[in-house]
Each structure stands twice: as structure tokens, then as C-alpha cells.
Amino acid sequence: MLRLPALVRLGGCRRYRVRSLCSAPPPQPVIAAKEPFPVELQAGKSYAWCSCGHSKRQPFCDGAHKKEAPGLAPLRFSPARDGPALLCGCKRTGSPPYCDGTHKQPEVQRAPPPPRA
């Protein structure tokens, strides 16, 4: 039988709040860089782009998400053609894994600098 969360009475008034069923908000990626990573890609080769921002092998995954951001996973992709590409470093692009210029937004530029290893 599904047990619903208890209602909590707030003060002397008749307002109630339902306790959350979720224990924590989903993990958010950290900004690895405030500019894109220029890379040379090979057509048909499989890559794993770091979506959490914790990898020491930016812009590619090194498995750091397993410890640092368990709710996030790398984006696996295979480019259609050989050549240079700009992969997102701020982890906020609308077209992952490729940079769309989101790093130029004030909220990204004002964010604290990424940690250095």
C-alpha cells in the first residue's frame, strides 16, 4: 500500500504543506570553463562528452560523475564528419555537446571560476 506523506500544520492558521517525497534536488553540472573547448573529431568515432563538469579530461568524461554528480551521465555521440569542433565548456548549451554561445550569458560569466586541479 502506498503511504502518502504526512501533512504538516504551519502555525495557528489552517495552512498545510505536504512533505516532499524527494530527498534532494537533482544534481546540477558545474561550469568547467567559460569558453568552448576546441577539439579535432573523427567521423564515426564514439566520444563521451562530460555533462557534469567534474572531469579532469575536459571536455571528455573521465568517470568523475560517478562520485561527484551521480545523477548525471556523459553524453555519448559520434560525429558525422571529421574536423574541428567547439565543445561546450560551461555545460549549459542548448545543443550538447556543441557550444551554442551560452557561455557568453551574464549568469555564466558572473559564476565563480571553475576549480583548477
PDB file of N, CA and C in Angstrom:
ATOM      1  N   MET A   1       0.840  -1.174   0.000  1.00  0.00           N
ATOM      2  CA  MET A   1       0.000   0.000   0.000  1.00  0.00           C
ATOM      3  C   MET A   1       0.887   1.240   0.000  1.00  0.00           C
ATOM      4  N   LEU A   2       0.580   2.196  -0.858  1.00  0.00           N
ATOM      5  CA  LEU A   2       1.324   3.440  -0.950  1.00  0.00           C
ATOM      6  C   LEU A   2       0.953   4.341   0.210  1.00  0.00           C
ATOM      7  N   ARG A   3       1.958   4.802   0.923  1.00  0.00           N
ATOM      8  CA  ARG A   3       1.711   5.684   2.053  1.00  0.00           C
ATOM      9  C   ARG A   3       2.011   7.108   1.632  1.00  0.00           C
ATOM     10  N   LEU A   4       1.051   7.966   1.768  1.00  0.00           N
ATOM     11  CA  LEU A   4       1.212   9.358   1.377  1.00  0.00           C
ATOM     12  C   LEU A   4       1.970  10.101   2.454  1.00  0.00           C
ATOM     13  N   PRO A   5       2.723  11.158   2.075  1.00  0.00           N
ATOM     14  CA  PRO A   5       3.469  11.926   3.067  1.00  0.00           C
ATOM     15  C   PRO A   5       2.514  12.630   4.027  1.00  0.00           C
ATOM     16  N   ALA A   6       2.993  12.820   5.226  1.00  0.00           N
ATOM     17  CA  ALA A   6       2.177  13.473   6.253  1.00  0.00           C
ATOM     18  C   ALA A   6       2.021  14.951   5.955  1.00  0.00           C
ATOM     19  N   LEU A   7       0.879  15.501   6.369  1.00  0.00           N
ATOM     20  CA  LEU A   7       0.671  16.940   6.265  1.00  0.00           C
ATOM     21  C   LEU A   7       1.257  17.596   7.508  1.00  0.00           C
ATOM     22  N   VAL A   8       1.875  18.724   7.317  1.00  0.00           N
ATOM     23  CA  VAL A   8       2.472  19.454   8.423  1.00  0.00           C
ATOM     24  C   VAL A   8       1.680  20.729   8.623  1.00  0.00           C
ATOM     25  N   ARG A   9       1.203  20.950   9.834  1.00  0.00           N
ATOM     26  CA  ARG A   9       0.433  22.161  10.118  1.00  0.00           C
ATOM     27  C   ARG A   9       1.400  23.298  10.398  1.00  0.00           C
ATOM     28  N   LEU A  10       1.169  24.422   9.749  1.00  0.00           N
ATOM     29  CA  LEU A  10       2.031  25.588   9.889  1.00  0.00           C
ATOM     30  C   LEU A  10       1.380  26.598  10.827  1.00  0.00           C
ATOM     31  N   GLY A  11       1.961  26.788  12.015  1.00  0.00           N
ATOM     32  CA  GLY A  11       1.474  27.802  12.954  1.00  0.00           C
ATOM     33  C   GLY A  11       0.046  27.553  13.383  1.00  0.00           C
ATOM     34  N   GLY A  12      -0.648  28.618  13.804  1.00  0.00           N
ATOM     35  CA  GLY A  12      -2.007  28.508  14.285  1.00  0.00           C
ATOM     36  C   GLY A  12      -3.038  28.621  13.183  1.00  0.00           C
ATOM     37  N   CYS A  13      -2.619  28.900  11.979  1.00  0.00           N
ATOM     38  CA  CYS A  13      -3.585  29.060  10.888  1.00  0.00           C
ATOM     39  C   CYS A  13      -3.879  27.720  10.234  1.00  0.00           C
ATOM     40  N   ARG A  14      -4.721  27.720   9.264  1.00  0.00           N
ATOM     41  CA  ARG A  14      -5.131  26.471   8.612  1.00  0.00           C
ATOM     42  C   ARG A  14      -4.408  26.280   7.279  1.00  0.00           C
ATOM     43  N   ARG A  15      -3.131  26.532   7.260  1.00  0.00           N
ATOM     44  CA  ARG A  15      -2.343  26.268   6.057  1.00  0.00           C
ATOM     45  C   ARG A  15      -1.556  24.991   6.286  1.00  0.00           C
ATOM     46  N   TYR A  16      -1.453  24.206   5.247  1.00  0.00           N
ATOM     47  CA  TYR A  16      -0.732  22.956   5.366  1.00  0.00           C
ATOM     48  C   TYR A  16       0.284  22.851   4.226  1.00  0.00           C
ATOM     49  N   ARG A  17       1.315  22.110   4.503  1.00  0.00           N
ATOM     50  CA  ARG A  17       2.345  21.866   3.496  1.00  0.00           C
ATOM     51  C   ARG A  17       2.571  20.363   3.426  1.00  0.00           C
ATOM     52  N   VAL A  18       2.717  19.826   2.224  1.00  0.00           N
ATOM     53  CA  VAL A  18       2.984  18.410   2.064  1.00  0.00           C
ATOM     54  C   VAL A  18       4.493  18.221   2.052  1.00  0.00           C
ATOM     55  N   ARG A  19       4.968  17.303   2.892  1.00  0.00           N
ATOM     56  CA  ARG A  19       6.398  16.999   2.899  1.00  0.00           C
ATOM     57  C   ARG A  19       6.787  16.398   1.556  1.00  0.00           C
ATOM     58  N   SER A  20       7.960  16.753   1.094  1.00  0.00           N
ATOM     59  CA  SER A  20       8.439  16.289  -0.198  1.00  0.00           C
ATOM     60  C   SER A  20       8.748  14.792  -0.182  1.00  0.00           C
ATOM     61  N   LEU A  21       8.467  14.137  -1.289  1.00  0.00           N
ATOM     62  CA  LEU A  21       8.831  12.738  -1.444  1.00  0.00           C
ATOM     63  C   LEU A  21      10.278  12.602  -1.905  1.00  0.00           C
ATOM     64  N   CYS A  22      10.829  13.673  -2.436  1.00  0.00           N
ATOM     65  CA  CYS A  22      12.199  13.664  -2.929  1.00  0.00           C
ATOM     66  C   CYS A  22      13.140  14.094  -1.810  1.00  0.00           C
ATOM     67  N   SER A  23      14.289  13.466  -1.737  1.00  0.00           N
ATOM     68  CA  SER A  23      15.228  13.782  -0.671  1.00  0.00           C
ATOM     69  C   SER A  23      16.144  14.946  -1.035  1.00  0.00           C
ATOM     70  N   ALA A  24      16.444  15.124  -2.301  1.00  0.00           N
ATOM     71  CA  ALA A  24      17.359  16.196  -2.702  1.00  0.00           C
ATOM     72  C   ALA A  24      17.052  16.610  -4.135  1.00  0.00           C
ATOM     73  N   PRO A  25      17.383  17.862  -4.477  1.00  0.00           N
ATOM     74  CA  PRO A  25      17.196  18.278  -5.866  1.00  0.00           C
ATOM     75  C   PRO A  25      18.174  17.531  -6.772  1.00  0.00           C
ATOM     76  N   PRO A  26      17.856  17.412  -8.053  1.00  0.00           N
ATOM     77  CA  PRO A  26      18.766  16.719  -8.956  1.00  0.00           C
ATOM     78  C   PRO A  26      20.097  17.465  -9.055  1.00  0.00           C
ATOM     79  N   PRO A  27      21.199  16.760  -9.264  1.00  0.00           N
ATOM     80  CA  PRO A  27      22.497  17.431  -9.357  1.00  0.00           C
ATOM     81  C   PRO A  27      22.558  18.352 -10.570  1.00  0.00           C
ATOM     82  N   GLN A  28      23.250  19.436 -10.415  1.00  0.00           N
ATOM     83  CA  GLN A  28      23.441  20.391 -11.496  1.00  0.00           C
ATOM     84  C   GLN A  28      24.900  20.340 -11.942  1.00  0.00           C
ATOM     85  N   PRO A  29      25.159  20.499 -13.233  1.00  0.00           N
ATOM     86  CA  PRO A  29      26.554  20.499 -13.679  1.00  0.00           C
ATOM     87  C   PRO A  29      27.278  21.744 -13.187  1.00  0.00           C
ATOM     88  N   VAL A  30      28.576  21.604 -12.998  1.00  0.00           N
ATOM     89  CA  VAL A  30      29.402  22.757 -12.663  1.00  0.00           C
ATOM     90  C   VAL A  30      30.017  23.288 -13.954  1.00  0.00           C
ATOM     91  N   ILE A  31      30.349  24.546 -13.942  1.00  0.00           N
ATOM     92  CA  ILE A  31      30.967  25.161 -15.117  1.00  0.00           C
ATOM     93  C   ILE A  31      32.430  24.739 -15.154  1.00  0.00           C
ATOM     94  N   ALA A  32      32.810  23.991 -16.166  1.00  0.00           N
ATOM     95  CA  ALA A  32      34.193  23.535 -16.312  1.00  0.00           C
ATOM     96  C   ALA A  32      35.054  24.627 -16.936  1.00  0.00           C
ATOM     97  N   ALA A  33      34.466  25.432 -17.810  1.00  0.00           N
ATOM     98  CA  ALA A  33      35.181  26.522 -18.475  1.00  0.00           C
ATOM     99  C   ALA A  33      34.164  27.545 -18.948  1.00  0.00           C
ATOM    100  N   LYS A  34      34.599  28.780 -19.054  1.00  0.00           N
ATOM    101  CA  LYS A  34      33.711  29.850 -19.515  1.00  0.00           C
ATOM    102  C   LYS A  34      33.932  30.148 -20.991  1.00  0.00           C
ATOM    103  N   GLU A  35      34.446  29.161 -21.683  1.00  0.00           N
ATOM    104  CA  GLU A  35      34.623  29.217 -23.131  1.00  0.00           C
ATOM    105  C   GLU A  35      34.576  27.791 -23.650  1.00  0.00           C
ATOM    106  N   PRO A  36      34.364  27.623 -24.956  1.00  0.00           N
ATOM    107  CA  PRO A  36      34.296  26.262 -25.504  1.00  0.00           C
ATOM    108  C   PRO A  36      35.678  25.619 -25.585  1.00  0.00           C
ATOM    109  N   PHE A  37      35.687  24.303 -25.716  1.00  0.00           N
ATOM    110  CA  PHE A  37      36.921  23.548 -25.904  1.00  0.00           C
ATOM    111  C   PHE A  37      37.078  23.246 -27.386  1.00  0.00           C
ATOM    112  N   PRO A  38      38.123  23.771 -28.042  1.00  0.00           N
ATOM    113  CA  PRO A  38      38.355  23.420 -29.449  1.00  0.00           C
ATOM    114  C   PRO A  38      38.963  22.010 -29.525  1.00  0.00           C
ATOM    115  N   VAL A  39      38.351  21.140 -30.308  1.00  0.00           N
ATOM    116  CA  VAL A  39      38.825  19.766 -30.453  1.00  0.00           C
ATOM    117  C   VAL A  39      38.800  19.358 -31.918  1.00  0.00           C
ATOM    118  N   GLU A  40      39.522  18.319 -32.225  1.00  0.00           N
ATOM    119  CA  GLU A  40      39.529  17.721 -33.562  1.00  0.00           C
ATOM    120  C   GLU A  40      38.824  16.376 -33.437  1.00  0.00           C
ATOM    121  N   LEU A  41      37.712  16.208 -34.141  1.00  0.00           N
ATOM    122  CA  LEU A  41      36.914  14.993 -34.041  1.00  0.00           C
ATOM    123  C   LEU A  41      37.045  14.142 -35.300  1.00  0.00           C
ATOM    124  N   GLN A  42      36.854  12.823 -35.142  1.00  0.00           N
ATOM    125  CA  GLN A  42      36.908  11.893 -36.270  1.00  0.00           C
ATOM    126  C   GLN A  42      35.513  11.332 -36.524  1.00  0.00           C
ATOM    127  N   ALA A  43      35.108  11.346 -37.761  1.00  0.00           N
ATOM    128  CA  ALA A  43      33.785  10.815 -38.136  1.00  0.00           C
ATOM    129  C   ALA A  43      33.664   9.355 -37.741  1.00  0.00           C
ATOM    130  N   GLY A  44      32.512   9.002 -37.183  1.00  0.00           N
ATOM    131  CA  GLY A  44      32.238   7.621 -36.818  1.00  0.00           C
ATOM    132  C   GLY A  44      32.840   7.169 -35.500  1.00  0.00           C
ATOM    133  N   LYS A  45      33.779   7.926 -34.955  1.00  0.00           N
ATOM    134  CA  LYS A  45      34.373   7.569 -33.666  1.00  0.00           C
ATOM    135  C   LYS A  45      33.402   7.937 -32.547  1.00  0.00           C
ATOM    136  N   SER A  46      33.363   7.122 -31.501  1.00  0.00           N
ATOM    137  CA  SER A  46      32.463   7.371 -30.374  1.00  0.00           C
ATOM    138  C   SER A  46      33.189   8.192 -29.307  1.00  0.00           C
ATOM    139  N   TYR A  47      32.517   9.243 -28.833  1.00  0.00           N
ATOM    140  CA  TYR A  47      33.059  10.115 -27.795  1.00  0.00           C
ATOM    141  C   TYR A  47      32.074  10.199 -26.641  1.00  0.00           C
ATOM    142  N   ALA A  48      32.580  10.509 -25.452  1.00  0.00           N
ATOM    143  CA  ALA A  48      31.737  10.699 -24.276  1.00  0.00           C
ATOM    144  C   ALA A  48      32.030  12.099 -23.739  1.00  0.00           C
ATOM    145  N   TRP A  49      31.115  13.033 -24.013  1.00  0.00           N
ATOM    146  CA  TRP A  49      31.252  14.421 -23.562  1.00  0.00           C
ATOM    147  C   TRP A  49      30.839  14.522 -22.107  1.00  0.00           C
ATOM    148  N   CYS A  50      31.674  15.155 -21.296  1.00  0.00           N
ATOM    149  CA  CYS A  50      31.383  15.336 -19.877  1.00  0.00           C
ATOM    150  C   CYS A  50      30.228  16.323 -19.725  1.00  0.00           C
ATOM    151  N   SER A  51      29.141  15.869 -19.100  1.00  0.00           N
ATOM    152  CA  SER A  51      27.998  16.759 -18.897  1.00  0.00           C
ATOM    153  C   SER A  51      27.930  17.299 -17.480  1.00  0.00           C
ATOM    154  N   CYS A  52      28.776  16.774 -16.570  1.00  0.00           N
ATOM    155  CA  CYS A  52      28.718  17.199 -15.165  1.00  0.00           C
ATOM    156  C   CYS A  52      29.689  18.323 -14.850  1.00  0.00           C
ATOM    157  N   GLY A  53      30.766  18.442 -15.624  1.00  0.00           N
ATOM    158  CA  GLY A  53      31.761  19.487 -15.401  1.00  0.00           C
ATOM    159  C   GLY A  53      32.884  19.102 -14.462  1.00  0.00           C
ATOM    160  N   HIS A  54      32.870  17.906 -13.907  1.00  0.00           N
ATOM    161  CA  HIS A  54      33.878  17.494 -12.921  1.00  0.00           C
ATOM    162  C   HIS A  54      35.069  16.759 -13.523  1.00  0.00           C
ATOM    163  N   SER A  55      34.995  16.345 -14.766  1.00  0.00           N
ATOM    164  CA  SER A  55      36.069  15.573 -15.386  1.00  0.00           C
ATOM    165  C   SER A  55      37.374  16.361 -15.438  1.00  0.00           C
ATOM    166  N   LYS A  56      38.473  15.666 -15.203  1.00  0.00           N
ATOM    167  CA  LYS A  56      39.807  16.272 -15.332  1.00  0.00           C
ATOM    168  C   LYS A  56      40.285  16.190 -16.783  1.00  0.00           C
ATOM    169  N   ARG A  57      39.522  15.523 -17.653  1.00  0.00           N
ATOM    170  CA  ARG A  57      39.873  15.361 -19.071  1.00  0.00           C
ATOM    171  C   ARG A  57      38.950  16.173 -19.962  1.00  0.00           C
ATOM    172  N   GLN A  58      38.502  17.323 -19.508  1.00  0.00           N
ATOM    173  CA  GLN A  58      37.560  18.158 -20.259  1.00  0.00           C
ATOM    174  C   GLN A  58      37.989  18.311 -21.708  1.00  0.00           C
ATOM    175  N   PRO A  59      37.055  18.279 -22.620  1.00  0.00           N
ATOM    176  CA  PRO A  59      35.612  18.226 -22.475  1.00  0.00           C
ATOM    177  C   PRO A  59      35.067  16.800 -22.412  1.00  0.00           C
ATOM    178  N   PHE A  60      35.957  15.816 -22.265  1.00  0.00           N
ATOM    179  CA  PHE A  60      35.519  14.425 -22.295  1.00  0.00           C
ATOM    180  C   PHE A  60      35.404  13.844 -20.885  1.00  0.00           C
ATOM    181  N   CYS A  61      34.601  12.813 -20.763  1.00  0.00           N
ATOM    182  CA  CYS A  61      34.307  12.174 -19.480  1.00  0.00           C
ATOM    183  C   CYS A  61      35.484  11.327 -18.995  1.00  0.00           C
ATOM    184  N   ASP A  62      35.747  11.398 -17.686  1.00  0.00           N
ATOM    185  CA  ASP A  62      36.726  10.518 -17.055  1.00  0.00           C
ATOM    186  C   ASP A  62      36.084   9.688 -15.945  1.00  0.00           C
ATOM    187  N   GLY A  63      34.750   9.733 -15.837  1.00  0.00           N
ATOM    188  CA  GLY A  63      34.038   8.964 -14.827  1.00  0.00           C
ATOM    189  C   GLY A  63      33.830   9.700 -13.514  1.00  0.00           C
ATOM    190  N   ALA A  64      34.252  10.963 -13.420  1.00  0.00           N
ATOM    191  CA  ALA A  64      34.125  11.732 -12.172  1.00  0.00           C
ATOM    192  C   ALA A  64      32.675  11.886 -11.729  1.00  0.00           C
ATOM    193  N   HIS A  65      31.725  11.821 -12.665  1.00  0.00           N
ATOM    194  CA  HIS A  65      30.309  11.981 -12.313  1.00  0.00           C
ATOM    195  C   HIS A  65      29.832  10.889 -11.359  1.00  0.00           C
ATOM    196  N   LYS A  66      30.464   9.737 -11.386  1.00  0.00           N
ATOM    197  CA  LYS A  66      30.034   8.635 -10.520  1.00  0.00           C
ATOM    198  C   LYS A  66      30.142   9.019  -9.045  1.00  0.00           C
ATOM    199  N   LYS A  67      31.153   9.813  -8.714  1.00  0.00           N
ATOM    200  CA  LYS A  67      31.339  10.250  -7.326  1.00  0.00           C
ATOM    201  C   LYS A  67      30.784  11.652  -7.098  1.00  0.00           C
ATOM    202  N   GLU A  68      31.052  12.564  -8.009  1.00  0.00           N
ATOM    203  CA  GLU A  68      30.734  13.982  -7.825  1.00  0.00           C
ATOM    204  C   GLU A  68      29.297  14.356  -8.187  1.00  0.00           C
ATOM    205  N   ALA A  69      28.711  13.674  -9.155  1.00  0.00           N
ATOM    206  CA  ALA A  69      27.351  14.001  -9.614  1.00  0.00           C
ATOM    207  C   ALA A  69      26.665  12.732 -10.106  1.00  0.00           C
ATOM    208  N   PRO A  70      26.317  11.822  -9.180  1.00  0.00           N
ATOM    209  CA  PRO A  70      25.779  10.524  -9.591  1.00  0.00           C
ATOM    210  C   PRO A  70      24.506  10.576 -10.421  1.00  0.00           C
ATOM    211  N   GLY A  71      23.777  11.666 -10.402  1.00  0.00           N
ATOM    212  CA  GLY A  71      22.558  11.756 -11.202  1.00  0.00           C
ATOM    213  C   GLY A  71      22.805  12.189 -12.633  1.00  0.00           C
ATOM    214  N   LEU A  72      24.042  12.506 -12.960  1.00  0.00           N
ATOM    215  CA  LEU A  72      24.377  12.938 -14.319  1.00  0.00           C
ATOM    216  C   LEU A  72      25.211  11.867 -15.006  1.00  0.00           C
ATOM    217  N   ALA A  73      25.151  11.850 -16.332  1.00  0.00           N
ATOM    218  CA  ALA A  73      25.911  10.875 -17.118  1.00  0.00           C
ATOM    219  C   ALA A  73      26.485  11.577 -18.334  1.00  0.00           C
ATOM    220  N   PRO A  74      27.564  11.030 -18.896  1.00  0.00           N
ATOM    221  CA  PRO A  74      28.136  11.649 -20.092  1.00  0.00           C
ATOM    222  C   PRO A  74      27.195  11.515 -21.287  1.00  0.00           C
ATOM    223  N   LEU A  75      27.354  12.410 -22.226  1.00  0.00           N
ATOM    224  CA  LEU A  75      26.601  12.334 -23.476  1.00  0.00           C
ATOM    225  C   LEU A  75      27.490  11.624 -24.491  1.00  0.00           C
ATOM    226  N   ARG A  76      27.038  10.484 -24.949  1.00  0.00           N
ATOM    227  CA  ARG A  76      27.800   9.741 -25.953  1.00  0.00           C
ATOM    228  C   ARG A  76      27.333  10.182 -27.329  1.00  0.00           C
ATOM    229  N   PHE A  77      28.326  10.459 -28.195  1.00  0.00           N
ATOM    230  CA  PHE A  77      27.999  10.921 -29.544  1.00  0.00           C
ATOM    231  C   PHE A  77      29.064  10.464 -30.517  1.00  0.00           C
ATOM    232  N   SER A  78      28.688  10.463 -31.782  1.00  0.00           N
ATOM    233  CA  SER A  78      29.583  10.094 -32.863  1.00  0.00           C
ATOM    234  C   SER A  78      29.389  11.112 -33.984  1.00  0.00           C
ATOM    235  N   PRO A  79      30.407  11.941 -34.273  1.00  0.00           N
ATOM    236  CA  PRO A  79      30.238  12.981 -35.295  1.00  0.00           C
ATOM    237  C   PRO A  79      30.074  12.393 -36.702  1.00  0.00           C
ATOM    238  N   ALA A  80      29.371  13.129 -37.527  1.00  0.00           N
ATOM    239  CA  ALA A  80      29.114  12.689 -38.901  1.00  0.00           C
ATOM    240  C   ALA A  80      30.305  12.954 -39.815  1.00  0.00           C
ATOM    241  N   ARG A  81      31.156  13.918 -39.425  1.00  0.00           N
ATOM    242  CA  ARG A  81      32.301  14.239 -40.300  1.00  0.00           C
ATOM    243  C   ARG A  81      33.545  14.556 -39.476  1.00  0.00           C
ATOM    244  N   ASP A  82      34.702  14.387 -40.106  1.00  0.00           N
ATOM    245  CA  ASP A  82      35.983  14.742 -39.495  1.00  0.00           C
ATOM    246  C   ASP A  82      36.114  16.253 -39.419  1.00  0.00           C
ATOM    247  N   GLY A  83      36.881  16.707 -38.452  1.00  0.00           N
ATOM    248  CA  GLY A  83      37.214  18.117 -38.433  1.00  0.00           C
ATOM    249  C   GLY A  83      37.146  18.758 -37.065  1.00  0.00           C
ATOM    250  N   PRO A  84      37.415  20.053 -37.056  1.00  0.00           N
ATOM    251  CA  PRO A  84      37.406  20.784 -35.793  1.00  0.00           C
ATOM    252  C   PRO A  84      35.978  21.006 -35.294  1.00  0.00           C
ATOM    253  N   ALA A  85      35.859  21.113 -33.983  1.00  0.00           N
ATOM    254  CA  ALA A  85      34.557  21.395 -33.362  1.00  0.00           C
ATOM    255  C   ALA A  85      34.807  22.154 -32.068  1.00  0.00           C
ATOM    256  N   LEU A  86      33.795  22.892 -31.652  1.00  0.00           N
ATOM    257  CA  LEU A  86      33.841  23.583 -30.367  1.00  0.00           C
ATOM    258  C   LEU A  86      32.848  22.891 -29.445  1.00  0.00           C
ATOM    259  N   LEU A  87      33.376  22.207 -28.417  1.00  0.00           N
ATOM    260  CA  LEU A  87      32.519  21.513 -27.465  1.00  0.00           C
ATOM    261  C   LEU A  87      32.302  22.399 -26.245  1.00  0.00           C
ATOM    262  N   CYS A  88      31.102  22.379 -25.739  1.00  0.00           N
ATOM    263  CA  CYS A  88      30.689  23.244 -24.639  1.00  0.00           C
ATOM    264  C   CYS A  88      31.516  23.007 -23.384  1.00  0.00           C
ATOM    265  N   GLY A  89      31.960  24.100 -22.773  1.00  0.00           N
ATOM    266  CA  GLY A  89      32.702  24.026 -21.514  1.00  0.00           C
ATOM    267  C   GLY A  89      31.883  24.469 -20.329  1.00  0.00           C
ATOM    268  N   CYS A  90      30.830  25.266 -20.575  1.00  0.00           N
ATOM    269  CA  CYS A  90      30.009  25.773 -19.464  1.00  0.00           C
ATOM    270  C   CYS A  90      28.930  24.779 -19.058  1.00  0.00           C
ATOM    271  N   LYS A  91      28.695  23.767 -19.875  1.00  0.00           N
ATOM    272  CA  LYS A  91      27.720  22.697 -19.612  1.00  0.00           C
ATOM    273  C   LYS A  91      26.279  23.190 -19.597  1.00  0.00           C
ATOM    274  N   ARG A  92      26.022  24.315 -20.273  1.00  0.00           N
ATOM    275  CA  ARG A  92      24.669  24.875 -20.312  1.00  0.00           C
ATOM    276  C   ARG A  92      24.141  25.056 -21.730  1.00  0.00           C
ATOM    277  N   THR A  93      24.844  24.517 -22.698  1.00  0.00           N
ATOM    278  CA  THR A  93      24.458  24.664 -24.097  1.00  0.00           C
ATOM    279  C   THR A  93      23.078  24.074 -24.376  1.00  0.00           C
ATOM    280  N   GLY A  94      22.411  24.636 -25.335  1.00  0.00           N
ATOM    281  CA  GLY A  94      21.122  24.105 -25.775  1.00  0.00           C
ATOM    282  C   GLY A  94      21.289  23.047 -26.851  1.00  0.00           C
ATOM    283  N   SER A  95      22.522  22.836 -27.318  1.00  0.00           N
ATOM    284  CA  SER A  95      22.789  21.848 -28.364  1.00  0.00           C
ATOM    285  C   SER A  95      23.981  20.966 -27.994  1.00  0.00           C
ATOM    286  N   PRO A  96      23.870  20.244 -26.867  1.00  0.00           N
ATOM    287  CA  PRO A  96      25.006  19.444 -26.410  1.00  0.00           C
ATOM    288  C   PRO A  96      25.407  18.385 -27.423  1.00  0.00           C
ATOM    289  N   PRO A  97      26.684  18.121 -27.577  1.00  0.00           N
ATOM    290  CA  PRO A  97      27.817  18.619 -26.812  1.00  0.00           C
ATOM    291  C   PRO A  97      28.434  19.901 -27.379  1.00  0.00           C
ATOM    292  N   TYR A  98      27.829  20.421 -28.428  1.00  0.00           N
ATOM    293  CA  TYR A  98      28.431  21.543 -29.143  1.00  0.00           C
ATOM    294  C   TYR A  98      28.108  22.888 -28.489  1.00  0.00           C
ATOM    295  N   CYS A  99      29.049  23.794 -28.547  1.00  0.00           N
ATOM    296  CA  CYS A  99      28.869  25.138 -27.992  1.00  0.00           C
ATOM    297  C   CYS A  99      27.855  25.906 -28.825  1.00  0.00           C
ATOM    298  N   ASP A 100      26.942  26.597 -28.135  1.00  0.00           N
ATOM    299  CA  ASP A 100      25.982  27.459 -28.828  1.00  0.00           C
ATOM    300  C   ASP A 100      26.113  28.920 -28.385  1.00  0.00           C
ATOM    301  N   GLY A 101      27.179  29.221 -27.649  1.00  0.00           N
ATOM    302  CA  GLY A 101      27.410  30.594 -27.202  1.00  0.00           C
ATOM    303  C   GLY A 101      26.812  30.918 -25.847  1.00  0.00           C
ATOM    304  N   THR A 102      26.200  29.942 -25.190  1.00  0.00           N
ATOM    305  CA  THR A 102      25.584  30.187 -23.884  1.00  0.00           C
ATOM    306  C   THR A 102      26.595  30.699 -22.871  1.00  0.00           C
ATOM    307  N   HIS A 103      27.871  30.338 -23.024  1.00  0.00           N
ATOM    308  CA  HIS A 103      28.901  30.780 -22.081  1.00  0.00           C
ATOM    309  C   HIS A 103      29.048  32.306 -22.041  1.00  0.00           C
ATOM    310  N   LYS A 104      28.527  32.986 -23.042  1.00  0.00           N
ATOM    311  CA  LYS A 104      28.606  34.458 -23.076  1.00  0.00           C
ATOM    312  C   LYS A 104      27.541  35.118 -22.200  1.00  0.00           C
ATOM    313  N   GLN A 105      26.568  34.348 -21.724  1.00  0.00           N
ATOM    314  CA  GLN A 105      25.489  34.896 -20.903  1.00  0.00           C
ATOM    315  C   GLN A 105      26.041  35.420 -19.574  1.00  0.00           C
ATOM    316  N   PRO A 106      25.475  36.508 -19.066  1.00  0.00           N
ATOM    317  CA  PRO A 106      25.975  37.099 -17.811  1.00  0.00           C
ATOM    318  C   PRO A 106      25.993  36.125 -16.637  1.00  0.00           C
ATOM    319  N   GLU A 107      24.986  35.253 -16.512  1.00  0.00           N
ATOM    320  CA  GLU A 107      24.965  34.341 -15.371  1.00  0.00           C
ATOM    321  C   GLU A 107      26.119  33.342 -15.403  1.00  0.00           C
ATOM    322  N   VAL A 108      26.589  32.991 -16.596  1.00  0.00           N
ATOM    323  CA  VAL A 108      27.751  32.106 -16.706  1.00  0.00           C
ATOM    324  C   VAL A 108      29.019  32.905 -16.429  1.00  0.00           C
ATOM    325  N   GLN A 109      29.136  34.069 -17.019  1.00  0.00           N
ATOM    326  CA  GLN A 109      30.340  34.879 -16.835  1.00  0.00           C
ATOM    327  C   GLN A 109      30.518  35.356 -15.387  1.00  0.00           C
ATOM    328  N   ARG A 110      29.412  35.573 -14.671  1.00  0.00           N
ATOM    329  CA  ARG A 110      29.497  36.023 -13.273  1.00  0.00           C
ATOM    330  C   ARG A 110      29.732  34.876 -12.297  1.00  0.00           C
ATOM    331  N   ALA A 111      29.550  33.650 -12.738  1.00  0.00           N
ATOM    332  CA  ALA A 111      29.716  32.483 -11.853  1.00  0.00           C
ATOM    333  C   ALA A 111      31.166  32.412 -11.367  1.00  0.00           C
ATOM    334  N   PRO A 112      31.379  31.819 -10.192  1.00  0.00           N
ATOM    335  CA  PRO A 112      32.756  31.676  -9.701  1.00  0.00           C
ATOM    336  C   PRO A 112      33.609  30.891 -10.696  1.00  0.00           C
ATOM    337  N   PRO A 113      34.890  31.159 -10.728  1.00  0.00           N
ATOM    338  CA  PRO A 113      35.744  30.456 -11.684  1.00  0.00           C
ATOM    339  C   PRO A 113      35.766  28.955 -11.395  1.00  0.00           C
ATOM    340  N   PRO A 114      35.940  28.164 -12.450  1.00  0.00           N
ATOM    341  CA  PRO A 114      35.979  26.717 -12.251  1.00  0.00           C
ATOM    342  C   PRO A 114      37.190  26.335 -11.397  1.00  0.00           C
ATOM    343  N   PRO A 115      37.085  25.263 -10.598  1.00  0.00           N
ATOM    344  CA  PRO A 115      38.228  24.824  -9.795  1.00  0.00           C
ATOM    345  C   PRO A 115      39.359  24.335 -10.683  1.00  0.00           C
ATOM    346  N   ARG A 116      40.538  24.601 -10.273  1.00  0.00           N
ATOM    347  CA  ARG A 116      41.732  24.160 -11.027  1.00  0.00           C
ATOM    348  C   ARG A 116      42.398  23.003 -10.298  1.00  0.00           C
ATOM    349  N   ALA A 117      42.810  22.011 -11.083  1.00  0.00           N
ATOM    350  CA  ALA A 117      43.445  20.826 -10.472  1.00  0.00           C
ATOM    351  C   ALA A 117      44.913  21.071 -10.216  1.00  0.00           C
TER     352      ALA A 117
END
